[in-house]
PDB file of all heavy atoms in Angstrom:
ATOM      1  N   ILE A   1     -78.556  34.799  71.381  1.00  0.00           N
ATOM      2  CA  ILE A   1     -78.599  34.177  70.128  1.00  0.00           C
ATOM      3  C   ILE A   1     -79.755  34.757  69.241  1.00  0.00           C
ATOM      4  O   ILE A   1     -80.832  34.719  69.660  1.00  0.00           O
ATOM      5  CB  ILE A   1     -78.628  32.665  70.074  1.00  0.00           C
ATOM      6  CG1 ILE A   1     -77.485  32.052  70.779  1.00  0.00           C
ATOM      7  CG2 ILE A   1     -78.707  32.131  68.599  1.00  0.00           C
ATOM      8  CD1 ILE A   1     -77.505  30.581  70.895  1.00  0.00           C
ATOM      9  N   PRO A   2     -79.463  35.419  68.053  1.00  0.00           N
ATOM     10  CA  PRO A   2     -80.586  35.812  67.261  1.00  0.00           C
ATOM     11  C   PRO A   2     -81.605  34.794  66.972  1.00  0.00           C
ATOM     12  O   PRO A   2     -81.198  33.595  66.874  1.00  0.00           O
ATOM     13  CB  PRO A   2     -79.916  36.221  65.941  1.00  0.00           C
ATOM     14  CG  PRO A   2     -78.401  36.590  66.357  1.00  0.00           C
ATOM     15  CD  PRO A   2     -78.179  35.552  67.451  1.00  0.00           C
ATOM     16  N   ARG A   3     -82.854  35.184  66.755  1.00  0.00           N
ATOM     17  CA  ARG A   3     -83.908  34.161  66.505  1.00  0.00           C
ATOM     18  C   ARG A   3     -83.642  33.376  65.190  1.00  0.00           C
ATOM     19  O   ARG A   3     -84.083  32.182  65.110  1.00  0.00           O
ATOM     20  CB  ARG A   3     -85.303  34.948  66.483  1.00  0.00           C
ATOM     21  CG  ARG A   3     -85.772  35.422  67.779  1.00  0.00           C
ATOM     22  CD  ARG A   3     -87.066  36.008  67.797  1.00  0.00           C
ATOM     23  NE  ARG A   3     -87.516  36.524  69.093  1.00  0.00           N
ATOM     24  CZ  ARG A   3     -88.018  35.906  69.942  1.00  0.00           C
ATOM     25  NH1 ARG A   3     -88.224  34.559  69.852  1.00  0.00           N
ATOM     26  NH2 ARG A   3     -88.401  36.407  71.138  1.00  0.00           N
ATOM     27  N   THR A   4     -82.896  34.078  64.305  1.00  0.00           N
ATOM     28  CA  THR A   4     -82.618  33.268  63.089  1.00  0.00           C
ATOM     29  C   THR A   4     -81.853  32.029  63.351  1.00  0.00           C
ATOM     30  O   THR A   4     -82.066  31.073  62.593  1.00  0.00           O
ATOM     31  CB  THR A   4     -81.654  34.234  62.146  1.00  0.00           C
ATOM     32  OG1 THR A   4     -82.291  35.466  62.025  1.00  0.00           O
ATOM     33  CG2 THR A   4     -81.346  33.655  60.892  1.00  0.00           C
ATOM     34  N   TYR A   5     -81.107  31.972  64.435  1.00  0.00           N
ATOM     35  CA  TYR A   5     -80.307  30.693  64.799  1.00  0.00           C
ATOM     36  C   TYR A   5     -80.994  30.062  65.947  1.00  0.00           C
ATOM     37  O   TYR A   5     -80.262  29.286  66.595  1.00  0.00           O
ATOM     38  CB  TYR A   5     -78.909  31.189  65.127  1.00  0.00           C
ATOM     39  CG  TYR A   5     -78.229  31.853  63.984  1.00  0.00           C
ATOM     40  CD1 TYR A   5     -77.778  33.199  64.137  1.00  0.00           C
ATOM     41  CD2 TYR A   5     -77.830  31.302  62.770  1.00  0.00           C
ATOM     42  CE1 TYR A   5     -77.074  33.889  63.170  1.00  0.00           C
ATOM     43  CE2 TYR A   5     -77.176  31.832  61.755  1.00  0.00           C
ATOM     44  CZ  TYR A   5     -76.828  33.172  61.876  1.00  0.00           C
ATOM     45  OH  TYR A   5     -76.115  33.866  60.904  1.00  0.00           O
ATOM     46  N   GLY A   6     -82.189  30.190  66.162  1.00  0.00           N
ATOM     47  CA  GLY A   6     -82.907  29.382  67.275  1.00  0.00           C
ATOM     48  C   GLY A   6     -82.879  30.055  68.625  1.00  0.00           C
ATOM     49  O   GLY A   6     -83.189  29.323  69.598  1.00  0.00           O
ATOM     50  N   GLY A   7     -82.293  31.248  68.776  1.00  0.00           N
ATOM     51  CA  GLY A   7     -82.096  31.822  70.054  1.00  0.00           C
ATOM     52  C   GLY A   7     -83.294  32.738  70.463  1.00  0.00           C
ATOM     53  O   GLY A   7     -84.365  32.701  69.820  1.00  0.00           O
ATOM     54  N   GLN A   8     -83.105  33.584  71.535  1.00  0.00           N
ATOM     55  CA  GLN A   8     -84.125  34.465  72.022  1.00  0.00           C
ATOM     56  C   GLN A   8     -84.004  35.782  71.542  1.00  0.00           C
ATOM     57  O   GLN A   8     -84.930  36.656  71.690  1.00  0.00           O
ATOM     58  CB  GLN A   8     -84.158  34.437  73.603  1.00  0.00           C
ATOM     59  CG  GLN A   8     -84.430  33.000  74.101  1.00  0.00           C
ATOM     60  CD  GLN A   8     -85.756  32.470  73.729  1.00  0.00           C
ATOM     61  OE1 GLN A   8     -86.746  33.199  73.820  1.00  0.00           O
ATOM     62  NE2 GLN A   8     -85.717  31.271  73.294  1.00  0.00           N
ATOM     63  N   GLY A   9     -82.840  36.277  71.047  1.00  0.00           N
ATOM     64  CA  GLY A   9     -82.595  37.549  70.500  1.00  0.00           C
ATOM     65  C   GLY A   9     -82.759  38.626  71.605  1.00  0.00           C
ATOM     66  O   GLY A   9     -83.162  39.754  71.296  1.00  0.00           O
ATOM     67  N   ARG A  10     -82.306  38.322  72.813  1.00  0.00           N
ATOM     68  CA  ARG A  10     -82.404  39.268  73.875  1.00  0.00           C
ATOM     69  C   ARG A  10     -81.035  39.852  74.183  1.00  0.00           C
ATOM     70  O   ARG A  10     -79.938  39.437  73.620  1.00  0.00           O
ATOM     71  CB  ARG A  10     -82.939  38.532  75.091  1.00  0.00           C
ATOM     72  CG  ARG A  10     -84.300  38.017  74.802  1.00  0.00           C
ATOM     73  CD  ARG A  10     -85.017  37.360  75.909  1.00  0.00           C
ATOM     74  NE  ARG A  10     -85.630  38.334  76.890  1.00  0.00           N
ATOM     75  CZ  ARG A  10     -86.532  38.082  77.695  1.00  0.00           C
ATOM     76  NH1 ARG A  10     -87.013  36.840  77.895  1.00  0.00           N
ATOM     77  NH2 ARG A  10     -87.019  38.997  78.527  1.00  0.00           N
ATOM     78  N   SER A  11     -80.997  40.705  75.123  1.00  0.00           N
ATOM     79  CA  SER A  11     -79.632  41.534  75.412  1.00  0.00           C
ATOM     80  C   SER A  11     -78.806  40.765  76.350  1.00  0.00           C
ATOM     81  O   SER A  11     -79.229  39.889  77.040  1.00  0.00           O
ATOM     82  CB  SER A  11     -80.096  42.868  76.003  1.00  0.00           C
ATOM     83  OG  SER A  11     -80.551  42.688  77.233  1.00  0.00           O
ATOM     84  N   HIS A  12     -77.561  41.243  76.430  1.00  0.00           N
ATOM     85  CA  HIS A  12     -76.539  40.682  77.311  1.00  0.00           C
ATOM     86  C   HIS A  12     -76.974  40.968  78.796  1.00  0.00           C
ATOM     87  O   HIS A  12     -76.765  40.146  79.635  1.00  0.00           O
ATOM     88  CB  HIS A  12     -75.206  41.321  77.050  1.00  0.00           C
ATOM     89  CG  HIS A  12     -74.402  40.771  75.940  1.00  0.00           C
ATOM     90  ND1 HIS A  12     -73.883  39.537  75.901  1.00  0.00           N
ATOM     91  CD2 HIS A  12     -74.210  41.323  74.717  1.00  0.00           C
ATOM     92  CE1 HIS A  12     -73.331  39.240  74.752  1.00  0.00           C
ATOM     93  NE2 HIS A  12     -73.567  40.318  73.956  1.00  0.00           N
ATOM     94  N   LEU A  13     -77.611  42.083  79.015  1.00  0.00           N
ATOM     95  CA  LEU A  13     -78.030  42.530  80.372  1.00  0.00           C
ATOM     96  C   LEU A  13     -79.224  41.640  80.717  1.00  0.00           C
ATOM     97  O   LEU A  13     -79.302  41.159  81.892  1.00  0.00           O
ATOM     98  CB  LEU A  13     -78.507  43.868  80.436  1.00  0.00           C
ATOM     99  CG  LEU A  13     -77.369  44.952  80.531  1.00  0.00           C
ATOM    100  CD1 LEU A  13     -77.841  46.367  80.380  1.00  0.00           C
ATOM    101  CD2 LEU A  13     -76.518  44.764  81.728  1.00  0.00           C
ATOM    102  N   GLU A  14     -80.128  41.267  79.882  1.00  0.00           N
ATOM    103  CA  GLU A  14     -81.190  40.268  80.256  1.00  0.00           C
ATOM    104  C   GLU A  14     -80.606  38.924  80.530  1.00  0.00           C
ATOM    105  O   GLU A  14     -81.024  38.261  81.509  1.00  0.00           O
ATOM    106  CB  GLU A  14     -82.151  40.198  79.114  1.00  0.00           C
ATOM    107  CG  GLU A  14     -83.091  41.431  78.906  1.00  0.00           C
ATOM    108  CD  GLU A  14     -83.900  41.371  77.729  1.00  0.00           C
ATOM    109  OE1 GLU A  14     -83.406  41.294  76.556  1.00  0.00           O
ATOM    110  OE2 GLU A  14     -85.152  41.228  77.851  1.00  0.00           O
ATOM    111  N   ARG A  15     -79.639  38.424  79.816  1.00  0.00           N
ATOM    112  CA  ARG A  15     -78.920  37.230  80.065  1.00  0.00           C
ATOM    113  C   ARG A  15     -78.198  37.275  81.321  1.00  0.00           C
ATOM    114  O   ARG A  15     -78.346  36.392  82.193  1.00  0.00           O
ATOM    115  CB  ARG A  15     -77.998  36.827  79.002  1.00  0.00           C
ATOM    116  CG  ARG A  15     -77.282  35.527  79.231  1.00  0.00           C
ATOM    117  CD  ARG A  15     -76.116  35.155  78.250  1.00  0.00           C
ATOM    118  NE  ARG A  15     -75.526  33.822  78.630  1.00  0.00           N
ATOM    119  CZ  ARG A  15     -74.478  33.912  79.584  1.00  0.00           C
ATOM    120  NH1 ARG A  15     -74.059  35.003  80.183  1.00  0.00           N
ATOM    121  NH2 ARG A  15     -73.920  32.724  79.951  1.00  0.00           N
ATOM    122  N   PHE A  16     -77.662  38.430  81.651  1.00  0.00           N
ATOM    123  CA  PHE A  16     -76.855  38.640  82.961  1.00  0.00           C
ATOM    124  C   PHE A  16     -77.813  38.433  84.164  1.00  0.00           C
ATOM    125  O   PHE A  16     -77.469  37.792  85.087  1.00  0.00           O
ATOM    126  CB  PHE A  16     -76.213  39.940  82.887  1.00  0.00           C
ATOM    127  CG  PHE A  16     -75.446  40.377  84.144  1.00  0.00           C
ATOM    128  CD1 PHE A  16     -74.140  40.112  84.283  1.00  0.00           C
ATOM    129  CD2 PHE A  16     -76.146  40.876  85.238  1.00  0.00           C
ATOM    130  CE1 PHE A  16     -73.423  40.422  85.402  1.00  0.00           C
ATOM    131  CE2 PHE A  16     -75.388  41.207  86.460  1.00  0.00           C
ATOM    132  CZ  PHE A  16     -74.096  40.999  86.441  1.00  0.00           C
ATOM    133  N   ALA A  17     -78.957  39.060  84.022  1.00  0.00           N
ATOM    134  CA  ALA A  17     -80.063  38.992  85.098  1.00  0.00           C
ATOM    135  C   ALA A  17     -80.352  37.505  85.366  1.00  0.00           C
ATOM    136  O   ALA A  17     -80.458  37.057  86.482  1.00  0.00           O
ATOM    137  CB  ALA A  17     -81.252  39.751  84.730  1.00  0.00           C
ATOM    138  N   VAL A  18     -80.613  36.667  84.233  1.00  0.00           N
ATOM    139  CA  VAL A  18     -81.005  35.239  84.368  1.00  0.00           C
ATOM    140  C   VAL A  18     -79.943  34.469  85.032  1.00  0.00           C
ATOM    141  O   VAL A  18     -80.103  33.773  85.962  1.00  0.00           O
ATOM    142  CB  VAL A  18     -81.408  34.786  83.010  1.00  0.00           C
ATOM    143  CG1 VAL A  18     -81.563  33.247  83.098  1.00  0.00           C
ATOM    144  CG2 VAL A  18     -82.765  35.295  82.502  1.00  0.00           C
ATOM    145  N   THR A  19     -78.625  34.629  84.548  1.00  0.00           N
ATOM    146  CA  THR A  19     -77.619  33.792  85.033  1.00  0.00           C
ATOM    147  C   THR A  19     -77.221  34.164  86.475  1.00  0.00           C
ATOM    148  O   THR A  19     -76.836  33.318  87.272  1.00  0.00           O
ATOM    149  CB  THR A  19     -76.216  34.068  84.171  1.00  0.00           C
ATOM    150  OG1 THR A  19     -75.890  35.430  84.173  1.00  0.00           O
ATOM    151  CG2 THR A  19     -76.538  33.523  82.826  1.00  0.00           C
ATOM    152  N   GLU A  20     -77.396  35.474  86.876  1.00  0.00           N
ATOM    153  CA  GLU A  20     -77.062  35.833  88.202  1.00  0.00           C
ATOM    154  C   GLU A  20     -78.110  35.216  89.096  1.00  0.00           C
ATOM    155  O   GLU A  20     -77.784  34.646  90.272  1.00  0.00           O
ATOM    156  CB  GLU A  20     -77.146  37.421  88.308  1.00  0.00           C
ATOM    157  CG  GLU A  20     -76.432  37.882  89.460  1.00  0.00           C
ATOM    158  CD  GLU A  20     -76.393  39.384  89.506  1.00  0.00           C
ATOM    159  OE1 GLU A  20     -77.492  40.118  89.225  1.00  0.00           O
ATOM    160  OE2 GLU A  20     -75.323  39.979  89.802  1.00  0.00           O
ATOM    161  N   GLU A  21     -79.340  35.121  88.771  1.00  0.00           N
ATOM    162  CA  GLU A  21     -80.303  34.500  89.690  1.00  0.00           C
ATOM    163  C   GLU A  21     -80.158  32.995  89.815  1.00  0.00           C
ATOM    164  O   GLU A  21     -80.223  32.397  90.819  1.00  0.00           O
ATOM    165  CB  GLU A  21     -81.763  34.660  89.007  1.00  0.00           C
ATOM    166  CG  GLU A  21     -82.307  36.119  89.171  1.00  0.00           C
ATOM    167  CD  GLU A  21     -82.406  36.595  90.672  1.00  0.00           C
ATOM    168  OE1 GLU A  21     -82.721  35.827  91.552  1.00  0.00           O
ATOM    169  OE2 GLU A  21     -81.971  37.836  90.805  1.00  0.00           O
ATOM    170  N   LEU A  22     -79.755  32.367  88.650  1.00  0.00           N
ATOM    171  CA  LEU A  22     -79.403  30.868  88.727  1.00  0.00           C
ATOM    172  C   LEU A  22     -78.219  30.726  89.595  1.00  0.00           C
ATOM    173  O   LEU A  22     -78.282  29.658  90.364  1.00  0.00           O
ATOM    174  CB  LEU A  22     -79.149  30.436  87.326  1.00  0.00           C
ATOM    175  CG  LEU A  22     -80.242  30.377  86.284  1.00  0.00           C
ATOM    176  CD1 LEU A  22     -79.751  30.033  84.892  1.00  0.00           C
ATOM    177  CD2 LEU A  22     -81.340  29.419  86.718  1.00  0.00           C
ATOM    178  N   LEU A  23     -77.212  31.503  89.550  1.00  0.00           N
ATOM    179  CA  LEU A  23     -76.023  31.267  90.416  1.00  0.00           C
ATOM    180  C   LEU A  23     -76.305  31.531  91.855  1.00  0.00           C
ATOM    181  O   LEU A  23     -75.880  30.740  92.696  1.00  0.00           O
ATOM    182  CB  LEU A  23     -74.920  32.287  89.888  1.00  0.00           C
ATOM    183  CG  LEU A  23     -74.326  31.900  88.549  1.00  0.00           C
ATOM    184  CD1 LEU A  23     -73.570  33.088  88.033  1.00  0.00           C
ATOM    185  CD2 LEU A  23     -73.393  30.676  88.612  1.00  0.00           C
ATOM    186  N   ALA A  24     -77.184  32.571  92.115  1.00  0.00           N
ATOM    187  CA  ALA A  24     -77.547  32.977  93.558  1.00  0.00           C
ATOM    188  C   ALA A  24     -78.295  31.761  94.159  1.00  0.00           C
ATOM    189  O   ALA A  24     -78.244  31.591  95.271  1.00  0.00           O
ATOM    190  CB  ALA A  24     -78.349  34.235  93.522  1.00  0.00           C
ATOM    191  N   ALA A  25     -79.063  31.057  93.287  1.00  0.00           N
ATOM    192  CA  ALA A  25     -79.802  29.872  93.765  1.00  0.00           C
ATOM    193  C   ALA A  25     -79.012  28.680  93.870  1.00  0.00           C
ATOM    194  O   ALA A  25     -79.479  27.633  94.432  1.00  0.00           O
ATOM    195  CB  ALA A  25     -80.951  29.696  92.841  1.00  0.00           C
ATOM    196  N   GLY A  26     -77.824  28.642  93.355  1.00  0.00           N
ATOM    197  CA  GLY A  26     -77.017  27.364  93.452  1.00  0.00           C
ATOM    198  C   GLY A  26     -77.499  26.337  92.470  1.00  0.00           C
ATOM    199  O   GLY A  26     -77.357  25.166  92.723  1.00  0.00           O
ATOM    200  N   ALA A  27     -78.114  26.781  91.439  1.00  0.00           N
ATOM    201  CA  ALA A  27     -78.662  25.808  90.408  1.00  0.00           C
ATOM    202  C   ALA A  27     -77.563  25.034  89.658  1.00  0.00           C
ATOM    203  O   ALA A  27     -76.560  25.716  89.264  1.00  0.00           O
ATOM    204  CB  ALA A  27     -79.700  26.539  89.526  1.00  0.00           C
ATOM    205  N   PRO A  28     -77.868  23.847  89.215  1.00  0.00           N
ATOM    206  CA  PRO A  28     -76.912  23.006  88.459  1.00  0.00           C
ATOM    207  C   PRO A  28     -76.900  23.372  86.894  1.00  0.00           C
ATOM    208  O   PRO A  28     -77.666  22.882  86.161  1.00  0.00           O
ATOM    209  CB  PRO A  28     -77.468  21.596  88.578  1.00  0.00           C
ATOM    210  CG  PRO A  28     -78.929  21.759  88.790  1.00  0.00           C
ATOM    211  CD  PRO A  28     -79.129  23.029  89.502  1.00  0.00           C
ATOM    212  N   VAL A  29     -75.986  24.298  86.539  1.00  0.00           N
ATOM    213  CA  VAL A  29     -75.991  24.864  85.245  1.00  0.00           C
ATOM    214  C   VAL A  29     -74.602  24.531  84.452  1.00  0.00           C
ATOM    215  O   VAL A  29     -74.421  25.025  83.392  1.00  0.00           O
ATOM    216  CB  VAL A  29     -76.125  26.374  85.367  1.00  0.00           C
ATOM    217  CG1 VAL A  29     -77.472  26.664  85.830  1.00  0.00           C
ATOM    218  CG2 VAL A  29     -75.036  26.986  86.100  1.00  0.00           C
ATOM    219  N   ALA A  30     -73.899  23.537  85.063  1.00  0.00           N
ATOM    220  CA  ALA A  30     -72.584  23.282  84.420  1.00  0.00           C
ATOM    221  C   ALA A  30     -72.681  22.746  82.973  1.00  0.00           C
ATOM    222  O   ALA A  30     -71.790  22.952  82.170  1.00  0.00           O
ATOM    223  CB  ALA A  30     -71.803  22.285  85.207  1.00  0.00           C
ATOM    224  N   ALA A  31     -73.645  21.878  82.656  1.00  0.00           N
ATOM    225  CA  ALA A  31     -73.795  21.149  81.443  1.00  0.00           C
ATOM    226  C   ALA A  31     -73.630  22.201  80.199  1.00  0.00           C
ATOM    227  O   ALA A  31     -72.886  22.069  79.308  1.00  0.00           O
ATOM    228  CB  ALA A  31     -74.982  20.434  81.338  1.00  0.00           C
ATOM    229  N   HIS A  32     -74.366  23.382  80.286  1.00  0.00           N
ATOM    230  CA  HIS A  32     -74.526  24.364  79.266  1.00  0.00           C
ATOM    231  C   HIS A  32     -73.675  25.507  79.482  1.00  0.00           C
ATOM    232  O   HIS A  32     -73.595  26.370  78.546  1.00  0.00           O
ATOM    233  CB  HIS A  32     -76.022  24.761  79.002  1.00  0.00           C
ATOM    234  CG  HIS A  32     -76.475  25.439  80.204  1.00  0.00           C
ATOM    235  ND1 HIS A  32     -77.100  24.927  81.169  1.00  0.00           N
ATOM    236  CD2 HIS A  32     -76.391  26.859  80.521  1.00  0.00           C
ATOM    237  CE1 HIS A  32     -77.536  25.798  82.111  1.00  0.00           C
ATOM    238  NE2 HIS A  32     -77.096  26.929  81.774  1.00  0.00           N
ATOM    239  N   TRP A  33     -72.957  25.620  80.553  1.00  0.00           N
ATOM    240  CA  TRP A  33     -72.421  27.001  81.007  1.00  0.00           C
ATOM    241  C   TRP A  33     -71.411  27.477  79.948  1.00  0.00           C
ATOM    242  O   TRP A  33     -71.374  28.608  79.556  1.00  0.00           O
ATOM    243  CB  TRP A  33     -71.830  26.785  82.394  1.00  0.00           C
ATOM    244  CG  TRP A  33     -71.496  28.099  82.984  1.00  0.00           C
ATOM    245  CD1 TRP A  33     -70.342  28.879  82.979  1.00  0.00           C
ATOM    246  CD2 TRP A  33     -72.443  28.991  83.564  1.00  0.00           C
ATOM    247  NE1 TRP A  33     -70.456  29.995  83.727  1.00  0.00           N
ATOM    248  CE2 TRP A  33     -71.715  30.176  83.973  1.00  0.00           C
ATOM    249  CE3 TRP A  33     -73.835  28.986  83.804  1.00  0.00           C
ATOM    250  CZ2 TRP A  33     -72.330  31.280  84.633  1.00  0.00           C
ATOM    251  CZ3 TRP A  33     -74.368  30.041  84.429  1.00  0.00           C
ATOM    252  CH2 TRP A  33     -73.732  31.192  84.717  1.00  0.00           C
ATOM    253  N   ILE A  34     -70.446  26.707  79.635  1.00  0.00           N
ATOM    254  CA  ILE A  34     -69.275  27.222  78.706  1.00  0.00           C
ATOM    255  C   ILE A  34     -69.904  27.449  77.318  1.00  0.00           C
ATOM    256  O   ILE A  34     -69.533  28.586  76.808  1.00  0.00           O
ATOM    257  CB  ILE A  34     -68.233  26.131  78.739  1.00  0.00           C
ATOM    258  CG1 ILE A  34     -67.458  26.033  80.042  1.00  0.00           C
ATOM    259  CG2 ILE A  34     -67.178  26.482  77.588  1.00  0.00           C
ATOM    260  CD1 ILE A  34     -66.472  24.942  80.135  1.00  0.00           C
ATOM    261  N   ALA A  35     -70.770  26.598  76.892  1.00  0.00           N
ATOM    262  CA  ALA A  35     -71.415  26.874  75.511  1.00  0.00           C
ATOM    263  C   ALA A  35     -72.145  28.172  75.556  1.00  0.00           C
ATOM    264  O   ALA A  35     -71.962  29.003  74.579  1.00  0.00           O
ATOM    265  CB  ALA A  35     -72.314  25.627  75.214  1.00  0.00           C
ATOM    266  N   ASP A  36     -73.029  28.373  76.608  1.00  0.00           N
ATOM    267  CA  ASP A  36     -73.841  29.576  76.577  1.00  0.00           C
ATOM    268  C   ASP A  36     -73.092  30.838  76.964  1.00  0.00           C
ATOM    269  O   ASP A  36     -73.326  31.853  76.334  1.00  0.00           O
ATOM    270  CB  ASP A  36     -74.974  29.262  77.564  1.00  0.00           C
ATOM    271  CG  ASP A  36     -76.101  30.308  77.514  1.00  0.00           C
ATOM    272  OD1 ASP A  36     -76.651  30.343  76.512  1.00  0.00           O
ATOM    273  OD2 ASP A  36     -76.289  31.145  78.468  1.00  0.00           O
ATOM    274  N   ARG A  37     -72.161  30.672  77.768  1.00  0.00           N
ATOM    275  CA  ARG A  37     -71.308  31.882  78.247  1.00  0.00           C
ATOM    276  C   ARG A  37     -70.270  32.302  77.242  1.00  0.00           C
ATOM    277  O   ARG A  37     -70.150  33.526  76.891  1.00  0.00           O
ATOM    278  CB  ARG A  37     -70.705  31.580  79.559  1.00  0.00           C
ATOM    279  CG  ARG A  37     -69.737  32.682  80.038  1.00  0.00           C
ATOM    280  CD  ARG A  37     -68.715  32.267  81.131  1.00  0.00           C
ATOM    281  NE  ARG A  37     -67.698  31.270  80.729  1.00  0.00           N
ATOM    282  CZ  ARG A  37     -66.878  30.614  81.613  1.00  0.00           C
ATOM    283  NH1 ARG A  37     -67.030  30.847  82.763  1.00  0.00           N
ATOM    284  NH2 ARG A  37     -66.028  29.866  81.086  1.00  0.00           N
ATOM    285  N   GLN A  38     -69.566  31.437  76.747  1.00  0.00           N
ATOM    286  CA  GLN A  38     -68.299  31.718  75.886  1.00  0.00           C
ATOM    287  C   GLN A  38     -68.401  31.379  74.430  1.00  0.00           C
ATOM    288  O   GLN A  38     -67.950  32.122  73.534  1.00  0.00           O
ATOM    289  CB  GLN A  38     -67.250  30.988  76.584  1.00  0.00           C
ATOM    290  CG  GLN A  38     -65.872  31.585  76.374  1.00  0.00           C
ATOM    291  CD  GLN A  38     -64.759  31.086  77.366  1.00  0.00           C
ATOM    292  OE1 GLN A  38     -65.236  30.588  78.406  1.00  0.00           O
ATOM    293  NE2 GLN A  38     -63.574  31.305  77.108  1.00  0.00           N
ATOM    294  N   ILE A  39     -68.872  30.196  74.193  1.00  0.00           N
ATOM    295  CA  ILE A  39     -68.962  29.813  72.709  1.00  0.00           C
ATOM    296  C   ILE A  39     -69.987  30.503  71.931  1.00  0.00           C
ATOM    297  O   ILE A  39     -69.616  30.820  70.780  1.00  0.00           O
ATOM    298  CB  ILE A  39     -69.265  28.235  72.762  1.00  0.00           C
ATOM    299  CG1 ILE A  39     -68.203  27.450  73.576  1.00  0.00           C
ATOM    300  CG2 ILE A  39     -69.222  27.702  71.282  1.00  0.00           C
ATOM    301  CD1 ILE A  39     -66.837  27.699  73.199  1.00  0.00           C
ATOM    302  N   VAL A  40     -71.063  30.758  72.595  1.00  0.00           N
ATOM    303  CA  VAL A  40     -72.140  31.553  71.755  1.00  0.00           C
ATOM    304  C   VAL A  40     -71.584  32.938  71.203  1.00  0.00           C
ATOM    305  O   VAL A  40     -71.731  33.136  70.033  1.00  0.00           O
ATOM    306  CB  VAL A  40     -73.400  31.771  72.649  1.00  0.00           C
ATOM    307  CG1 VAL A  40     -74.321  32.869  72.092  1.00  0.00           C
ATOM    308  CG2 VAL A  40     -74.173  30.509  72.671  1.00  0.00           C
ATOM    309  N   PRO A  41     -71.059  33.861  72.108  1.00  0.00           N
ATOM    310  CA  PRO A  41     -70.654  35.048  71.643  1.00  0.00           C
ATOM    311  C   PRO A  41     -69.401  34.953  70.558  1.00  0.00           C
ATOM    312  O   PRO A  41     -69.207  35.694  69.661  1.00  0.00           O
ATOM    313  CB  PRO A  41     -70.133  35.762  72.798  1.00  0.00           C
ATOM    314  CG  PRO A  41     -70.067  34.813  73.933  1.00  0.00           C
ATOM    315  CD  PRO A  41     -71.004  33.740  73.647  1.00  0.00           C
ATOM    316  N   ALA A  42     -68.618  33.806  70.891  1.00  0.00           N
ATOM    317  CA  ALA A  42     -67.441  33.671  70.021  1.00  0.00           C
ATOM    318  C   ALA A  42     -68.026  33.295  68.587  1.00  0.00           C
ATOM    319  O   ALA A  42     -67.458  33.718  67.478  1.00  0.00           O
ATOM    320  CB  ALA A  42     -66.470  32.545  70.585  1.00  0.00           C
TER     321      ALA A  42
END
């Protein structure tokens, strides 16, 4: 999400790296998952 809208303004690959690490760790990410994964780019 651009900083204009309260986000970090980072790349899809950076987000990919973060989400991959969270998933590999089995971290509880369901609350925000759909919003962050799908609704944001939409």
